[in-house]
Amino acid sequence: MLFARYQSRLLVWLASLSLLVAFVGAMTVQFIGGARLLETAAGIPYETGLLIFGISIALYTAFGGFRASVLNDTMQGLVMLIGTVVLLIGVVHAAGGLSNASTDLANHRSATGYATRR
């Protein structure tokens, strides 16, 4: 599509290379995060967790394909959205309502030793 619009092979190569670098960086961070999660939550050594996480992602993608990955990301986004809304409602309820939460926050900010910008 880039070539059809801009008629530049250089632009296509630069865009492809930058996407490759970005995806490798994003995948690396996700693999590290997954391995750290397994290490912290299950006591699995980091290297083993990294191997487990990497193999499971490779198998999932190989058998499910890109469509399965997109569906998984959509479901994950919905779960995070619903969780955020539920958490927000729970926090507001625990604070005794929005007005009470605002009052408590104002009182907390006026406490001695709290740095404020004016």
PDB file of N, CA and C in Angstrom:
ATOM      1  N   MET A   1       0.810  -1.182   0.000  1.00  0.00           N
ATOM      2  CA  MET A   1       0.000   0.000   0.000  1.00  0.00           C
ATOM      3  C   MET A   1       0.866   1.263   0.000  1.00  0.00           C
ATOM      4  N   LEU A   2       1.955   1.221   0.738  1.00  0.00           N
ATOM      5  CA  LEU A   2       2.839   2.386   0.746  1.00  0.00           C
ATOM      6  C   LEU A   2       3.417   2.643  -0.640  1.00  0.00           C
ATOM      7  N   PHE A   3       3.814   1.559  -1.292  1.00  0.00           N
ATOM      8  CA  PHE A   3       4.396   1.722  -2.622  1.00  0.00           C
ATOM      9  C   PHE A   3       3.360   2.262  -3.607  1.00  0.00           C
ATOM     10  N   ALA A   4       2.131   1.770  -3.502  1.00  0.00           N
ATOM     11  CA  ALA A   4       1.078   2.237  -4.405  1.00  0.00           C
ATOM     12  C   ALA A   4       0.809   3.728  -4.207  1.00  0.00           C
ATOM     13  N   ARG A   5       0.941   4.187  -2.991  1.00  0.00           N
ATOM     14  CA  ARG A   5       0.658   5.604  -2.732  1.00  0.00           C
ATOM     15  C   ARG A   5       1.848   6.509  -3.020  1.00  0.00           C
ATOM     16  N   TYR A   6       3.046   6.109  -2.567  1.00  0.00           N
ATOM     17  CA  TYR A   6       4.205   7.003  -2.647  1.00  0.00           C
ATOM     18  C   TYR A   6       5.206   6.640  -3.743  1.00  0.00           C
ATOM     19  N   GLN A   7       5.058   5.463  -4.350  1.00  0.00           N
ATOM     20  CA  GLN A   7       5.955   5.025  -5.424  1.00  0.00           C
ATOM     21  C   GLN A   7       7.423   5.057  -5.002  1.00  0.00           C
ATOM     22  N   SER A   8       7.697   4.612  -3.789  1.00  0.00           N
ATOM     23  CA  SER A   8       9.065   4.645  -3.277  1.00  0.00           C
ATOM     24  C   SER A   8       9.394   3.317  -2.598  1.00  0.00           C
ATOM     25  N   ARG A   9      10.311   2.576  -3.190  1.00  0.00           N
ATOM     26  CA  ARG A   9      10.749   1.320  -2.575  1.00  0.00           C
ATOM     27  C   ARG A   9      11.531   1.590  -1.294  1.00  0.00           C
ATOM     28  N   LEU A  10      12.264   2.691  -1.259  1.00  0.00           N
ATOM     29  CA  LEU A  10      13.013   3.048  -0.057  1.00  0.00           C
ATOM     30  C   LEU A  10      12.071   3.258   1.122  1.00  0.00           C
ATOM     31  N   LEU A  11      10.969   3.927   0.896  1.00  0.00           N
ATOM     32  CA  LEU A  11       9.995   4.154   1.959  1.00  0.00           C
ATOM     33  C   LEU A  11       9.411   2.834   2.457  1.00  0.00           C
ATOM     34  N   VAL A  12       9.125   1.928   1.542  1.00  0.00           N
ATOM     35  CA  VAL A  12       8.597   0.612   1.926  1.00  0.00           C
ATOM     36  C   VAL A  12       9.613  -0.132   2.786  1.00  0.00           C
ATOM     37  N   TRP A  13      10.884  -0.103   2.385  1.00  0.00           N
ATOM     38  CA  TRP A  13      11.930  -0.780   3.163  1.00  0.00           C
ATOM     39  C   TRP A  13      12.116  -0.133   4.533  1.00  0.00           C
ATOM     40  N   LEU A  14      12.125   1.185   4.585  1.00  0.00           N
ATOM     41  CA  LEU A  14      12.295   1.879   5.868  1.00  0.00           C
ATOM     42  C   LEU A  14      11.117   1.611   6.804  1.00  0.00           C
ATOM     43  N   ALA A  15       9.911   1.625   6.266  1.00  0.00           N
ATOM     44  CA  ALA A  15       8.731   1.334   7.081  1.00  0.00           C
ATOM     45  C   ALA A  15       8.774  -0.105   7.589  1.00  0.00           C
ATOM     46  N   SER A  16       9.142  -1.032   6.723  1.00  0.00           N
ATOM     47  CA  SER A  16       9.227  -2.440   7.123  1.00  0.00           C
ATOM     48  C   SER A  16      10.285  -2.648   8.196  1.00  0.00           C
ATOM     49  N   LEU A  17      11.432  -2.025   8.021  1.00  0.00           N
ATOM     50  CA  LEU A  17      12.509  -2.150   8.998  1.00  0.00           C
ATOM     51  C   LEU A  17      12.117  -1.547  10.343  1.00  0.00           C
ATOM     52  N   SER A  18      11.479  -0.386  10.320  1.00  0.00           N
ATOM     53  CA  SER A  18      11.088   0.241  11.584  1.00  0.00           C
ATOM     54  C   SER A  18      10.013  -0.579  12.294  1.00  0.00           C
ATOM     55  N   LEU A  19       9.083  -1.172  11.542  1.00  0.00           N
ATOM     56  CA  LEU A  19       8.085  -2.048  12.155  1.00  0.00           C
ATOM     57  C   LEU A  19       8.731  -3.292  12.749  1.00  0.00           C
ATOM     58  N   LEU A  20       9.700  -3.857  12.052  1.00  0.00           N
ATOM     59  CA  LEU A  20      10.408  -5.026  12.557  1.00  0.00           C
ATOM     60  C   LEU A  20      11.112  -4.711  13.870  1.00  0.00           C
ATOM     61  N   VAL A  21      11.807  -3.586  13.918  1.00  0.00           N
ATOM     62  CA  VAL A  21      12.505  -3.182  15.147  1.00  0.00           C
ATOM     63  C   VAL A  21      11.503  -2.961  16.277  1.00  0.00           C
ATOM     64  N   ALA A  22      10.394  -2.293  15.983  1.00  0.00           N
ATOM     65  CA  ALA A  22       9.384  -2.025  17.009  1.00  0.00           C
ATOM     66  C   ALA A  22       8.765  -3.319  17.527  1.00  0.00           C
ATOM     67  N   PHE A  23       8.436  -4.241  16.622  1.00  0.00           N
ATOM     68  CA  PHE A  23       7.834  -5.502  17.048  1.00  0.00           C
ATOM     69  C   PHE A  23       8.798  -6.347  17.869  1.00  0.00           C
ATOM     70  N   VAL A  24      10.058  -6.379  17.483  1.00  0.00           N
ATOM     71  CA  VAL A  24      11.051  -7.135  18.259  1.00  0.00           C
ATOM     72  C   VAL A  24      11.166  -6.542  19.660  1.00  0.00           C
ATOM     73  N   GLY A  25      11.196  -5.224  19.753  1.00  0.00           N
ATOM     74  CA  GLY A  25      11.255  -4.574  21.062  1.00  0.00           C
ATOM     75  C   GLY A  25      10.028  -4.871  21.903  1.00  0.00           C
ATOM     76  N   ALA A  26       8.854  -4.778  21.300  1.00  0.00           N
ATOM     77  CA  ALA A  26       7.612  -5.041  22.030  1.00  0.00           C
ATOM     78  C   ALA A  26       7.533  -6.501  22.478  1.00  0.00           C
ATOM     79  N   MET A  27       7.918  -7.419  21.604  1.00  0.00           N
ATOM     80  CA  MET A  27       7.884  -8.833  21.969  1.00  0.00           C
ATOM     81  C   MET A  27       8.883  -9.146  23.073  1.00  0.00           C
ATOM     82  N   THR A  28      10.049  -8.522  23.020  1.00  0.00           N
ATOM     83  CA  THR A  28      11.060  -8.748  24.051  1.00  0.00           C
ATOM     84  C   THR A  28      10.536  -8.337  25.414  1.00  0.00           C
ATOM     85  N   VAL A  29       9.921  -7.172  25.474  1.00  0.00           N
ATOM     86  CA  VAL A  29       9.374  -6.686  26.742  1.00  0.00           C
ATOM     87  C   VAL A  29       8.273  -7.614  27.240  1.00  0.00           C
ATOM     88  N   GLN A  30       7.421  -8.103  26.350  1.00  0.00           N
ATOM     89  CA  GLN A  30       6.352  -9.009  26.758  1.00  0.00           C
ATOM     90  C   GLN A  30       6.908 -10.339  27.253  1.00  0.00           C
ATOM     91  N   PHE A  31       7.931 -10.859  26.601  1.00  0.00           N
ATOM     92  CA  PHE A  31       8.536 -12.109  27.050  1.00  0.00           C
ATOM     93  C   PHE A  31       9.177 -11.929  28.422  1.00  0.00           C
ATOM     94  N   ILE A  32       9.878 -10.828  28.613  1.00  0.00           N
ATOM     95  CA  ILE A  32      10.504 -10.564  29.913  1.00  0.00           C
ATOM     96  C   ILE A  32       9.432 -10.429  30.985  1.00  0.00           C
ATOM     97  N   GLY A  33       8.363  -9.696  30.680  1.00  0.00           N
ATOM     98  CA  GLY A  33       7.270  -9.533  31.639  1.00  0.00           C
ATOM     99  C   GLY A  33       6.616 -10.853  31.997  1.00  0.00           C
ATOM    100  N   GLY A  34       6.380 -11.697  30.996  1.00  0.00           N
ATOM    101  CA  GLY A  34       5.785 -13.004  31.259  1.00  0.00           C
ATOM    102  C   GLY A  34       6.680 -13.881  32.111  1.00  0.00           C
ATOM    103  N   ALA A  35       7.974 -13.857  31.826  1.00  0.00           N
ATOM    104  CA  ALA A  35       8.920 -14.654  32.611  1.00  0.00           C
ATOM    105  C   ALA A  35       9.000 -14.143  34.045  1.00  0.00           C
ATOM    106  N   ARG A  36       9.003 -12.817  34.221  1.00  0.00           N
ATOM    107  CA  ARG A  36       9.032 -12.243  35.581  1.00  0.00           C
ATOM    108  C   ARG A  36       7.749 -12.571  36.337  1.00  0.00           C
ATOM    109  N   LEU A  37       6.624 -12.570  35.629  1.00  0.00           N
ATOM    110  CA  LEU A  37       5.355 -12.927  36.256  1.00  0.00           C
ATOM    111  C   LEU A  37       5.388 -14.368  36.751  1.00  0.00           C
ATOM    112  N   LEU A  38       5.857 -15.273  35.910  1.00  0.00           N
ATOM    113  CA  LEU A  38       5.952 -16.675  36.324  1.00  0.00           C
ATOM    114  C   LEU A  38       6.942 -16.841  37.474  1.00  0.00           C
ATOM    115  N   GLU A  39       8.019 -16.075  37.437  1.00  0.00           N
ATOM    116  CA  GLU A  39       9.020 -16.139  38.499  1.00  0.00           C
ATOM    117  C   GLU A  39       8.432 -15.665  39.825  1.00  0.00           C
ATOM    118  N   THR A  40       7.701 -14.560  39.784  1.00  0.00           N
ATOM    119  CA  THR A  40       7.148 -13.984  41.008  1.00  0.00           C
ATOM    120  C   THR A  40       5.951 -14.775  41.522  1.00  0.00           C
ATOM    121  N   ALA A  41       5.024 -15.115  40.628  1.00  0.00           N
ATOM    122  CA  ALA A  41       3.778 -15.748  41.052  1.00  0.00           C
ATOM    123  C   ALA A  41       3.926 -17.235  41.350  1.00  0.00           C
ATOM    124  N   ALA A  42       4.763 -17.928  40.593  1.00  0.00           N
ATOM    125  CA  ALA A  42       4.844 -19.380  40.738  1.00  0.00           C
ATOM    126  C   ALA A  42       6.191 -19.870  41.250  1.00  0.00           C
ATOM    127  N   GLY A  43       7.153 -18.966  41.420  1.00  0.00           N
ATOM    128  CA  GLY A  43       8.464 -19.369  41.901  1.00  0.00           C
ATOM    129  C   GLY A  43       9.296 -20.107  40.863  1.00  0.00           C
ATOM    130  N   ILE A  44       8.912 -20.003  39.602  1.00  0.00           N
ATOM    131  CA  ILE A  44       9.651 -20.656  38.517  1.00  0.00           C
ATOM    132  C   ILE A  44      10.873 -19.805  38.196  1.00  0.00           C
ATOM    133  N   PRO A  45      12.044 -20.413  38.013  1.00  0.00           N
ATOM    134  CA  PRO A  45      13.228 -19.621  37.655  1.00  0.00           C
ATOM    135  C   PRO A  45      12.989 -18.799  36.383  1.00  0.00           C
ATOM    136  N   TYR A  46      13.638 -17.632  36.321  1.00  0.00           N
ATOM    137  CA  TYR A  46      13.424 -16.690  35.216  1.00  0.00           C
ATOM    138  C   TYR A  46      13.654 -17.339  33.855  1.00  0.00           C
ATOM    139  N   GLU A  47      14.759 -18.046  33.693  1.00  0.00           N
ATOM    140  CA  GLU A  47      15.082 -18.653  32.399  1.00  0.00           C
ATOM    141  C   GLU A  47      14.040 -19.687  31.995  1.00  0.00           C
ATOM    142  N   THR A  48      13.583 -20.490  32.955  1.00  0.00           N
ATOM    143  CA  THR A  48      12.553 -21.487  32.677  1.00  0.00           C
ATOM    144  C   THR A  48      11.240 -20.808  32.317  1.00  0.00           C
ATOM    145  N   GLY A  49      10.898 -19.755  33.044  1.00  0.00           N
ATOM    146  CA  GLY A  49       9.685 -18.999  32.741  1.00  0.00           C
ATOM    147  C   GLY A  49       9.731 -18.376  31.362  1.00  0.00           C
ATOM    148  N   LEU A  50      10.906 -17.878  30.989  1.00  0.00           N
ATOM    149  CA  LEU A  50      11.079 -17.293  29.660  1.00  0.00           C
ATOM    150  C   LEU A  50      10.881 -18.357  28.584  1.00  0.00           C
ATOM    151  N   LEU A  51      11.422 -19.540  28.818  1.00  0.00           N
ATOM    152  CA  LEU A  51      11.269 -20.646  27.875  1.00  0.00           C
ATOM    153  C   LEU A  51       9.805 -21.084  27.783  1.00  0.00           C
ATOM    154  N   ILE A  52       9.149 -21.234  28.917  1.00  0.00           N
ATOM    155  CA  ILE A  52       7.736 -21.634  28.931  1.00  0.00           C
ATOM    156  C   ILE A  52       6.889 -20.600  28.200  1.00  0.00           C
ATOM    157  N   PHE A  53       7.108 -19.344  28.516  1.00  0.00           N
ATOM    158  CA  PHE A  53       6.333 -18.269  27.900  1.00  0.00           C
ATOM    159  C   PHE A  53       6.582 -18.222  26.394  1.00  0.00           C
ATOM    160  N   GLY A  54       7.833 -18.314  25.987  1.00  0.00           N
ATOM    161  CA  GLY A  54       8.165 -18.264  24.564  1.00  0.00           C
ATOM    162  C   GLY A  54       7.577 -19.420  23.780  1.00  0.00           C
ATOM    163  N   ILE A  55       7.682 -20.631  24.323  1.00  0.00           N
ATOM    164  CA  ILE A  55       7.144 -21.808  23.632  1.00  0.00           C
ATOM    165  C   ILE A  55       5.624 -21.737  23.544  1.00  0.00           C
ATOM    166  N   SER A  56       4.975 -21.312  24.631  1.00  0.00           N
ATOM    167  CA  SER A  56       3.512 -21.240  24.600  1.00  0.00           C
ATOM    168  C   SER A  56       3.030 -20.202  23.589  1.00  0.00           C
ATOM    169  N   ILE A  57       3.702 -19.071  23.485  1.00  0.00           N
ATOM    170  CA  ILE A  57       3.325 -18.052  22.505  1.00  0.00           C
ATOM    171  C   ILE A  57       3.577 -18.564  21.084  1.00  0.00           C
ATOM    172  N   ALA A  58       4.699 -19.234  20.875  1.00  0.00           N
ATOM    173  CA  ALA A  58       5.009 -19.769  19.544  1.00  0.00           C
ATOM    174  C   ALA A  58       3.974 -20.811  19.117  1.00  0.00           C
ATOM    175  N   LEU A  59       3.612 -21.722  20.018  1.00  0.00           N
ATOM    176  CA  LEU A  59       2.614 -22.742  19.692  1.00  0.00           C
ATOM    177  C   LEU A  59       1.246 -22.117  19.449  1.00  0.00           C
ATOM    178  N   TYR A  60       0.881 -21.169  20.298  1.00  0.00           N
ATOM    179  CA  TYR A  60      -0.414 -20.502  20.159  1.00  0.00           C
ATOM    180  C   TYR A  60      -0.521 -19.805  18.806  1.00  0.00           C
ATOM    181  N   THR A  61       0.523 -19.091  18.432  1.00  0.00           N
ATOM    182  CA  THR A  61       0.515 -18.371  17.161  1.00  0.00           C
ATOM    183  C   THR A  61       0.570 -19.337  15.982  1.00  0.00           C
ATOM    184  N   ALA A  62       1.359 -20.406  16.101  1.00  0.00           N
ATOM    185  CA  ALA A  62       1.482 -21.369  15.004  1.00  0.00           C
ATOM    186  C   ALA A  62       0.161 -22.089  14.739  1.00  0.00           C
ATOM    187  N   PHE A  63      -0.530 -22.483  15.802  1.00  0.00           N
ATOM    188  CA  PHE A  63      -1.774 -23.224  15.619  1.00  0.00           C
ATOM    189  C   PHE A  63      -2.978 -22.313  15.411  1.00  0.00           C
ATOM    190  N   GLY A  64      -2.977 -21.158  16.055  1.00  0.00           N
ATOM    191  CA  GLY A  64      -4.129 -20.266  15.961  1.00  0.00           C
ATOM    192  C   GLY A  64      -4.022 -19.230  14.867  1.00  0.00           C
ATOM    193  N   GLY A  65      -2.813 -18.874  14.514  1.00  0.00           N
ATOM    194  CA  GLY A  65      -2.615 -17.864  13.484  1.00  0.00           C
ATOM    195  C   GLY A  65      -2.839 -16.453  13.995  1.00  0.00           C
ATOM    196  N   PHE A  66      -2.746 -15.519  13.077  1.00  0.00           N
ATOM    197  CA  PHE A  66      -2.868 -14.108  13.423  1.00  0.00           C
ATOM    198  C   PHE A  66      -4.283 -13.776  13.892  1.00  0.00           C
ATOM    199  N   ARG A  67      -5.279 -14.430  13.305  1.00  0.00           N
ATOM    200  CA  ARG A  67      -6.660 -14.151  13.696  1.00  0.00           C
ATOM    201  C   ARG A  67      -6.890 -14.504  15.163  1.00  0.00           C
ATOM    202  N   ALA A  68      -6.363 -15.614  15.602  1.00  0.00           N
ATOM    203  CA  ALA A  68      -6.500 -16.002  17.006  1.00  0.00           C
ATOM    204  C   ALA A  68      -5.809 -14.991  17.907  1.00  0.00           C
ATOM    205  N   SER A  69      -4.690 -14.475  17.459  1.00  0.00           N
ATOM    206  CA  SER A  69      -3.972 -13.471  18.233  1.00  0.00           C
ATOM    207  C   SER A  69      -4.798 -12.192  18.363  1.00  0.00           C
ATOM    208  N   VAL A  70      -5.431 -11.776  17.272  1.00  0.00           N
ATOM    209  CA  VAL A  70      -6.273 -10.577  17.307  1.00  0.00           C
ATOM    210  C   VAL A  70      -7.478 -10.797  18.215  1.00  0.00           C
ATOM    211  N   LEU A  71      -8.112 -11.958  18.122  1.00  0.00           N
ATOM    212  CA  LEU A  71      -9.250 -12.255  18.997  1.00  0.00           C
ATOM    213  C   LEU A  71      -8.822 -12.272  20.460  1.00  0.00           C
ATOM    214  N   ASN A  72      -7.660 -12.831  20.731  1.00  0.00           N
ATOM    215  CA  ASN A  72      -7.141 -12.859  22.092  1.00  0.00           C
ATOM    216  C   ASN A  72      -6.901 -11.441  22.608  1.00  0.00           C
ATOM    217  N   ASP A  73      -6.304 -10.587  21.784  1.00  0.00           N
ATOM    218  CA  ASP A  73      -6.051  -9.205  22.190  1.00  0.00           C
ATOM    219  C   ASP A  73      -7.355  -8.456  22.444  1.00  0.00           C
ATOM    220  N   THR A  74      -8.371  -8.725  21.630  1.00  0.00           N
ATOM    221  CA  THR A  74      -9.672  -8.089  21.824  1.00  0.00           C
ATOM    222  C   THR A  74     -10.288  -8.513  23.148  1.00  0.00           C
ATOM    223  N   MET A  75     -10.250  -9.806  23.428  1.00  0.00           N
ATOM    224  CA  MET A  75     -10.799 -10.297  24.695  1.00  0.00           C
ATOM    225  C   MET A  75     -10.018  -9.733  25.881  1.00  0.00           C
ATOM    226  N   GLN A  76      -8.720  -9.674  25.761  1.00  0.00           N
ATOM    227  CA  GLN A  76      -7.891  -9.125  26.831  1.00  0.00           C
ATOM    228  C   GLN A  76      -8.239  -7.658  27.071  1.00  0.00           C
ATOM    229  N   GLY A  77      -8.438  -6.904  26.006  1.00  0.00           N
ATOM    230  CA  GLY A  77      -8.824  -5.502  26.140  1.00  0.00           C
ATOM    231  C   GLY A  77     -10.166  -5.346  26.825  1.00  0.00           C
ATOM    232  N   LEU A  78     -11.127  -6.199  26.466  1.00  0.00           N
ATOM    233  CA  LEU A  78     -12.438  -6.148  27.114  1.00  0.00           C
ATOM    234  C   LEU A  78     -12.344  -6.480  28.594  1.00  0.00           C
ATOM    235  N   VAL A  79     -11.567  -7.492  28.934  1.00  0.00           N
ATOM    236  CA  VAL A  79     -11.389  -7.857  30.341  1.00  0.00           C
ATOM    237  C   VAL A  79     -10.763  -6.703  31.118  1.00  0.00           C
ATOM    238  N   MET A  80      -9.756  -6.050  30.535  1.00  0.00           N
ATOM    239  CA  MET A  80      -9.117  -4.922  31.222  1.00  0.00           C
ATOM    240  C   MET A  80     -10.080  -3.749  31.366  1.00  0.00           C
ATOM    241  N   LEU A  81     -10.889  -3.490  30.339  1.00  0.00           N
ATOM    242  CA  LEU A  81     -11.860  -2.401  30.408  1.00  0.00           C
ATOM    243  C   LEU A  81     -12.901  -2.663  31.490  1.00  0.00           C
ATOM    244  N   ILE A  82     -13.456  -3.865  31.501  1.00  0.00           N
ATOM    245  CA  ILE A  82     -14.454  -4.222  32.509  1.00  0.00           C
ATOM    246  C   ILE A  82     -13.832  -4.191  33.901  1.00  0.00           C
ATOM    247  N   GLY A  83     -12.621  -4.714  34.035  1.00  0.00           N
ATOM    248  CA  GLY A  83     -11.935  -4.687  35.327  1.00  0.00           C
ATOM    249  C   GLY A  83     -11.684  -3.278  35.821  1.00  0.00           C
ATOM    250  N   THR A  84     -11.321  -2.377  34.915  1.00  0.00           N
ATOM    251  CA  THR A  84     -11.084  -0.987  35.303  1.00  0.00           C
ATOM    252  C   THR A  84     -12.368  -0.329  35.782  1.00  0.00           C
ATOM    253  N   VAL A  85     -13.474  -0.570  35.080  1.00  0.00           N
ATOM    254  CA  VAL A  85     -14.759   0.005  35.484  1.00  0.00           C
ATOM    255  C   VAL A  85     -15.185  -0.549  36.840  1.00  0.00           C
ATOM    256  N   VAL A  86     -15.061  -1.854  37.031  1.00  0.00           N
ATOM    257  CA  VAL A  86     -15.424  -2.465  38.314  1.00  0.00           C
ATOM    258  C   VAL A  86     -14.547  -1.919  39.437  1.00  0.00           C
ATOM    259  N   LEU A  87     -13.255  -1.791  39.187  1.00  0.00           N
ATOM    260  CA  LEU A  87     -12.344  -1.248  40.193  1.00  0.00           C
ATOM    261  C   LEU A  87     -12.696   0.194  40.533  1.00  0.00           C
ATOM    262  N   LEU A  88     -13.002   0.999  39.534  1.00  0.00           N
ATOM    263  CA  LEU A  88     -13.381   2.391  39.767  1.00  0.00           C
ATOM    264  C   LEU A  88     -14.643   2.478  40.615  1.00  0.00           C
ATOM    265  N   ILE A  89     -15.634   1.674  40.279  1.00  0.00           N
ATOM    266  CA  ILE A  89     -16.874   1.661  41.059  1.00  0.00           C
ATOM    267  C   ILE A  89     -16.597   1.217  42.488  1.00  0.00           C
ATOM    268  N   GLY A  90     -15.771   0.193  42.661  1.00  0.00           N
ATOM    269  CA  GLY A  90     -15.434  -0.284  44.004  1.00  0.00           C
ATOM    270  C   GLY A  90     -14.699   0.755  44.827  1.00  0.00           C
ATOM    271  N   VAL A  91     -13.774   1.477  44.218  1.00  0.00           N
ATOM    272  CA  VAL A  91     -13.015   2.504  44.942  1.00  0.00           C
ATOM    273  C   VAL A  91     -13.928   3.650  45.347  1.00  0.00           C
ATOM    274  N   VAL A  92     -14.786   4.089  44.429  1.00  0.00           N
ATOM    275  CA  VAL A  92     -15.719   5.175  44.756  1.00  0.00           C
ATOM    276  C   VAL A  92     -16.677   4.733  45.855  1.00  0.00           C
ATOM    277  N   HIS A  93     -17.153   3.500  45.790  1.00  0.00           N
ATOM    278  CA  HIS A  93     -18.052   2.980  46.830  1.00  0.00           C
ATOM    279  C   HIS A  93     -17.342   2.897  48.184  1.00  0.00           C
ATOM    280  N   ALA A  94     -16.098   2.411  48.179  1.00  0.00           N
ATOM    281  CA  ALA A  94     -15.340   2.296  49.434  1.00  0.00           C
ATOM    282  C   ALA A  94     -15.049   3.666  50.038  1.00  0.00           C
ATOM    283  N   ALA A  95     -14.944   4.691  49.197  1.00  0.00           N
ATOM    284  CA  ALA A  95     -14.679   6.046  49.691  1.00  0.00           C
ATOM    285  C   ALA A  95     -15.946   6.726  50.185  1.00  0.00           C
ATOM    286  N   GLY A  96     -17.095   6.119  49.955  1.00  0.00           N
ATOM    287  CA  GLY A  96     -18.345   6.710  50.407  1.00  0.00           C
ATOM    288  C   GLY A  96     -18.957   7.664  49.399  1.00  0.00           C
ATOM    289  N   GLY A  97     -18.622   7.518  48.150  1.00  0.00           N
ATOM    290  CA  GLY A  97     -19.169   8.376  47.099  1.00  0.00           C
ATOM    291  C   GLY A  97     -18.125   9.337  46.570  1.00  0.00           C
ATOM    292  N   LEU A  98     -18.445   9.957  45.430  1.00  0.00           N
ATOM    293  CA  LEU A  98     -17.503  10.870  44.796  1.00  0.00           C
ATOM    294  C   LEU A  98     -17.253  12.119  45.631  1.00  0.00           C
ATOM    295  N   SER A  99     -18.307  12.680  46.219  1.00  0.00           N
ATOM    296  CA  SER A  99     -18.122  13.909  47.001  1.00  0.00           C
ATOM    297  C   SER A  99     -17.258  13.651  48.227  1.00  0.00           C
ATOM    298  N   ASN A 100     -17.464  12.529  48.888  1.00  0.00           N
ATOM    299  CA  ASN A 100     -16.654  12.180  50.055  1.00  0.00           C
ATOM    300  C   ASN A 100     -15.207  11.919  49.648  1.00  0.00           C
ATOM    301  N   ALA A 101     -15.006  11.269  48.500  1.00  0.00           N
ATOM    302  CA  ALA A 101     -13.648  11.012  48.015  1.00  0.00           C
ATOM    303  C   ALA A 101     -12.936  12.323  47.710  1.00  0.00           C
ATOM    304  N   SER A 102     -13.650  13.287  47.105  1.00  0.00           N
ATOM    305  CA  SER A 102     -13.054  14.597  46.817  1.00  0.00           C
ATOM    306  C   SER A 102     -12.689  15.332  48.097  1.00  0.00           C
ATOM    307  N   THR A 103     -13.560  15.273  49.097  1.00  0.00           N
ATOM    308  CA  THR A 103     -13.284  15.919  50.383  1.00  0.00           C
ATOM    309  C   THR A 103     -12.081  15.281  51.060  1.00  0.00           C
ATOM    310  N   ASP A 104     -12.031  13.961  51.069  1.00  0.00           N
ATOM    311  CA  ASP A 104     -10.893  13.263  51.675  1.00  0.00           C
ATOM    312  C   ASP A 104      -9.589  13.610  50.964  1.00  0.00           C
ATOM    313  N   LEU A 105      -9.637  13.697  49.649  1.00  0.00           N
ATOM    314  CA  LEU A 105      -8.444  14.046  48.886  1.00  0.00           C
ATOM    315  C   LEU A 105      -7.998  15.466  49.203  1.00  0.00           C
ATOM    316  N   ALA A 106      -8.941  16.391  49.303  1.00  0.00           N
ATOM    317  CA  ALA A 106      -8.597  17.777  49.645  1.00  0.00           C
ATOM    318  C   ALA A 106      -7.998  17.853  51.044  1.00  0.00           C
ATOM    319  N   ASN A 107      -8.555  17.101  51.993  1.00  0.00           N
ATOM    320  CA  ASN A 107      -8.015  17.086  53.361  1.00  0.00           C
ATOM    321  C   ASN A 107      -6.617  16.484  53.386  1.00  0.00           C
ATOM    322  N   HIS A 108      -6.406  15.457  52.594  1.00  0.00           N
ATOM    323  CA  HIS A 108      -5.096  14.812  52.540  1.00  0.00           C
ATOM    324  C   HIS A 108      -4.053  15.760  51.969  1.00  0.00           C
ATOM    325  N   ARG A 109      -4.421  16.505  50.951  1.00  0.00           N
ATOM    326  CA  ARG A 109      -3.484  17.439  50.329  1.00  0.00           C
ATOM    327  C   ARG A 109      -3.135  18.602  51.246  1.00  0.00           C
ATOM    328  N   SER A 110      -4.038  18.952  52.147  1.00  0.00           N
ATOM    329  CA  SER A 110      -3.753  20.071  53.047  1.00  0.00           C
ATOM    330  C   SER A 110      -2.997  19.624  54.294  1.00  0.00           C
ATOM    331  N   ALA A 111      -2.685  18.341  54.385  1.00  0.00           N
ATOM    332  CA  ALA A 111      -1.962  17.829  55.553  1.00  0.00           C
ATOM    333  C   ALA A 111      -0.561  18.436  55.616  1.00  0.00           C
ATOM    334  N   THR A 112      -0.040  18.562  56.818  1.00  0.00           N
ATOM    335  CA  THR A 112       1.282  19.145  57.031  1.00  0.00           C
ATOM    336  C   THR A 112       2.338  18.290  56.342  1.00  0.00           C
ATOM    337  N   GLY A 113       3.258  18.956  55.649  1.00  0.00           N
ATOM    338  CA  GLY A 113       4.355  18.254  55.001  1.00  0.00           C
ATOM    339  C   GLY A 113       4.060  17.799  53.594  1.00  0.00           C
ATOM    340  N   TYR A 114       2.858  17.997  53.119  1.00  0.00           N
ATOM    341  CA  TYR A 114       2.520  17.601  51.759  1.00  0.00           C
ATOM    342  C   TYR A 114       2.909  18.727  50.814  1.00  0.00           C
ATOM    343  N   ALA A 115       3.754  18.432  49.858  1.00  0.00           N
ATOM    344  CA  ALA A 115       4.221  19.453  48.918  1.00  0.00           C
ATOM    345  C   ALA A 115       3.150  19.724  47.871  1.00  0.00           C
ATOM    346  N   THR A 116       2.826  20.991  47.689  1.00  0.00           N
ATOM    347  CA  THR A 116       1.841  21.368  46.681  1.00  0.00           C
ATOM    348  C   THR A 116       2.414  22.437  45.776  1.00  0.00           C
ATOM    349  N   ARG A 117       1.864  22.515  44.583  1.00  0.00           N
ATOM    350  CA  ARG A 117       2.230  23.592  43.663  1.00  0.00           C
ATOM    351  C   ARG A 117       1.140  24.641  43.728  1.00  0.00           C
ATOM    352  N   ARG A 118       1.528  25.866  43.784  1.00  0.00           N
ATOM    353  CA  ARG A 118       0.538  26.952  43.797  1.00  0.00           C
ATOM    354  C   ARG A 118       0.825  27.916  42.712  1.00  0.00           C
TER     355      ARG A 118
END
